Amino acid sequence: MEKTKQRLIDKLGKKGFDTEKKVCAIDMQVAFDNGLADELGGILALQKAIKTHSVYAFLMDGVDTKPEKKEAAKHDHDRKTGDGSEAGNSY
């Protein structure tokens, strides 16, 4: 885990932001009032991770690979209608 993220988590905990709900409630005014204005970028990233259920990935700088989308076997113009004629061709 990056030291900056560790410091952010420690600082949030010391200020009383010890649950996901409390962290998500932090806005710019709350951050400023609690001396967290310098950590606003990290707080926003943590809030996003909480909302997307990826806190562990946030802490460990992990990224899941997205599965590749496979092309459809046939395109619309290649399909046939039930009567044997080709769909989309109106001769």
C-alpha atoms as a PDB file:
ATOM      1  CA  MET A   1       0.000   0.000   0.000  1.00  0.00           C
ATOM      2  CA  GLU A   2       1.256   3.474  -0.820  1.00  0.00           C
ATOM      3  CA  LYS A   3       2.330   5.537   2.166  1.00  0.00           C
ATOM      4  CA  THR A   4       0.094   8.423   1.047  1.00  0.00           C
ATOM      5  CA  LYS A   5      -2.975   6.182   1.195  1.00  0.00           C
ATOM      6  CA  GLN A   6      -1.890   4.815   4.573  1.00  0.00           C
ATOM      7  CA  ARG A   7      -1.497   8.371   5.914  1.00  0.00           C
ATOM      8  CA  LEU A   8      -4.914   9.302   4.509  1.00  0.00           C
ATOM      9  CA  ILE A   9      -6.588   6.335   6.215  1.00  0.00           C
ATOM     10  CA  ASP A  10      -4.771   7.068   9.497  1.00  0.00           C
ATOM     11  CA  LYS A  11      -5.682  10.762   9.388  1.00  0.00           C
ATOM     12  CA  LEU A  12      -9.330  10.039   8.596  1.00  0.00           C
ATOM     13  CA  GLY A  13      -9.508   7.558  11.475  1.00  0.00           C
ATOM     14  CA  LYS A  14      -7.956  10.013  13.934  1.00  0.00           C
ATOM     15  CA  LYS A  15     -10.504  12.656  12.880  1.00  0.00           C
ATOM     16  CA  GLY A  16     -13.373  10.232  13.563  1.00  0.00           C
ATOM     17  CA  PHE A  17     -14.105   9.136   9.998  1.00  0.00           C
ATOM     18  CA  ASP A  18     -13.913   5.435  10.784  1.00  0.00           C
ATOM     19  CA  THR A  19     -16.714   3.989   8.644  1.00  0.00           C
ATOM     20  CA  GLU A  20     -17.545   4.015   4.961  1.00  0.00           C
ATOM     21  CA  LYS A  21     -20.713   6.002   5.675  1.00  0.00           C
ATOM     22  CA  LYS A  22     -18.760   8.722   7.493  1.00  0.00           C
ATOM     23  CA  VAL A  23     -16.131   8.911   4.745  1.00  0.00           C
ATOM     24  CA  CYS A  24     -18.821   9.204   2.054  1.00  0.00           C
ATOM     25  CA  ALA A  25     -20.401  12.097   3.993  1.00  0.00           C
ATOM     26  CA  ILE A  26     -17.248  14.213   3.706  1.00  0.00           C
ATOM     27  CA  ASP A  27     -17.696  17.187   1.399  1.00  0.00           C
ATOM     28  CA  MET A  28     -15.391  20.142   0.795  1.00  0.00           C
ATOM     29  CA  GLN A  29     -16.686  22.106   3.775  1.00  0.00           C
ATOM     30  CA  VAL A  30     -16.369  19.141   6.143  1.00  0.00           C
ATOM     31  CA  ALA A  31     -12.852  18.445   4.843  1.00  0.00           C
ATOM     32  CA  PHE A  32     -11.879  22.091   5.372  1.00  0.00           C
ATOM     33  CA  ASP A  33     -13.437  22.218   8.853  1.00  0.00           C
ATOM     34  CA  ASN A  34     -11.514  19.078   9.880  1.00  0.00           C
ATOM     35  CA  GLY A  35      -8.147  20.098   8.462  1.00  0.00           C
ATOM     36  CA  LEU A  36      -8.401  17.641   5.583  1.00  0.00           C
ATOM     37  CA  ALA A  37      -8.402  20.100   2.676  1.00  0.00           C
ATOM     38  CA  ASP A  38      -4.997  18.877   1.455  1.00  0.00           C
ATOM     39  CA  GLU A  39      -6.322  15.311   1.324  1.00  0.00           C
ATOM     40  CA  LEU A  40      -9.422  16.133  -0.731  1.00  0.00           C
ATOM     41  CA  GLY A  41      -8.170  14.317  -3.840  1.00  0.00           C
ATOM     42  CA  GLY A  42      -7.477  11.171  -1.846  1.00  0.00           C
ATOM     43  CA  ILE A  43     -10.828  11.447  -0.079  1.00  0.00           C
ATOM     44  CA  LEU A  44     -12.657  11.696  -3.409  1.00  0.00           C
ATOM     45  CA  ALA A  45     -10.795   8.649  -4.732  1.00  0.00           C
ATOM     46  CA  LEU A  46     -11.637   6.706  -1.547  1.00  0.00           C
ATOM     47  CA  GLN A  47     -15.300   7.742  -1.778  1.00  0.00           C
ATOM     48  CA  LYS A  48     -15.419   6.474  -5.367  1.00  0.00           C
ATOM     49  CA  ALA A  49     -13.810   3.187  -4.309  1.00  0.00           C
ATOM     50  CA  ILE A  50     -16.377   2.783  -1.539  1.00  0.00           C
ATOM     51  CA  LYS A  51     -19.277   3.433  -3.919  1.00  0.00           C
ATOM     52  CA  THR A  52     -17.936   0.941  -6.468  1.00  0.00           C
ATOM     53  CA  HIS A  53     -17.109  -1.656  -3.786  1.00  0.00           C
ATOM     54  CA  SER A  54     -13.422  -1.622  -4.683  1.00  0.00           C
ATOM     55  CA  VAL A  55     -11.743  -0.382  -1.494  1.00  0.00           C
ATOM     56  CA  TYR A  56      -9.181  -3.187  -1.461  1.00  0.00           C
ATOM     57  CA  ALA A  57      -8.224  -2.428  -5.075  1.00  0.00           C
ATOM     58  CA  PHE A  58      -7.930   1.262  -4.134  1.00  0.00           C
ATOM     59  CA  LEU A  59      -5.616   0.476  -1.240  1.00  0.00           C
ATOM     60  CA  MET A  60      -3.482  -1.986  -3.194  1.00  0.00           C
ATOM     61  CA  ASP A  61      -3.477  -0.051  -6.510  1.00  0.00           C
ATOM     62  CA  GLY A  62      -5.100  -3.067  -8.139  1.00  0.00           C
ATOM     63  CA  VAL A  63      -7.063  -3.091 -11.358  1.00  0.00           C
ATOM     64  CA  ASP A  64      -9.292  -5.849 -12.651  1.00  0.00           C
ATOM     65  CA  THR A  65      -8.988  -6.541 -16.330  1.00  0.00           C
ATOM     66  CA  LYS A  66     -12.168  -6.183 -18.307  1.00  0.00           C
ATOM     67  CA  PRO A  67     -13.218  -9.229 -20.298  1.00  0.00           C
ATOM     68  CA  GLU A  68     -12.985  -8.809 -24.041  1.00  0.00           C
ATOM     69  CA  LYS A  69     -16.290  -8.488 -25.849  1.00  0.00           C
ATOM     70  CA  LYS A  70     -16.774 -11.037 -28.567  1.00  0.00           C
ATOM     71  CA  GLU A  71     -18.273  -9.999 -31.874  1.00  0.00           C
ATOM     72  CA  ALA A  72     -21.738 -11.244 -32.641  1.00  0.00           C
ATOM     73  CA  ALA A  73     -21.652 -14.378 -34.781  1.00  0.00           C
ATOM     74  CA  LYS A  74     -23.712 -12.717 -37.491  1.00  0.00           C
ATOM     75  CA  HIS A  75     -24.556  -9.148 -38.311  1.00  0.00           C
ATOM     76  CA  ASP A  76     -28.141  -7.943 -38.792  1.00  0.00           C
ATOM     77  CA  HIS A  77     -27.817  -7.902 -42.567  1.00  0.00           C
ATOM     78  CA  ASP A  78     -26.700 -11.548 -42.545  1.00  0.00           C
ATOM     79  CA  ARG A  79     -29.776 -12.799 -40.662  1.00  0.00           C
ATOM     80  CA  LYS A  80     -32.675 -14.422 -42.437  1.00  0.00           C
ATOM     81  CA  THR A  81     -36.325 -13.948 -41.612  1.00  0.00           C
ATOM     82  CA  GLY A  82     -38.651 -16.856 -40.931  1.00  0.00           C
ATOM     83  CA  ASP A  83     -39.962 -16.896 -44.542  1.00  0.00           C
ATOM     84  CA  GLY A  84     -36.547 -17.577 -46.065  1.00  0.00           C
ATOM     85  CA  SER A  85     -35.969 -14.041 -47.303  1.00  0.00           C
ATOM     86  CA  GLU A  86     -33.116 -11.951 -46.012  1.00  0.00           C
ATOM     87  CA  ALA A  87     -33.945  -9.335 -43.411  1.00  0.00           C
ATOM     88  CA  GLY A  88     -33.154  -5.771 -44.321  1.00  0.00           C
ATOM     89  CA  ASN A  89     -33.187  -6.314 -48.077  1.00  0.00           C
ATOM     90  CA  SER A  90     -36.188  -4.754 -49.767  1.00  0.00           C
ATOM     91  CA  TYR A  91     -35.738  -5.233 -53.483  1.00  0.00           C
END
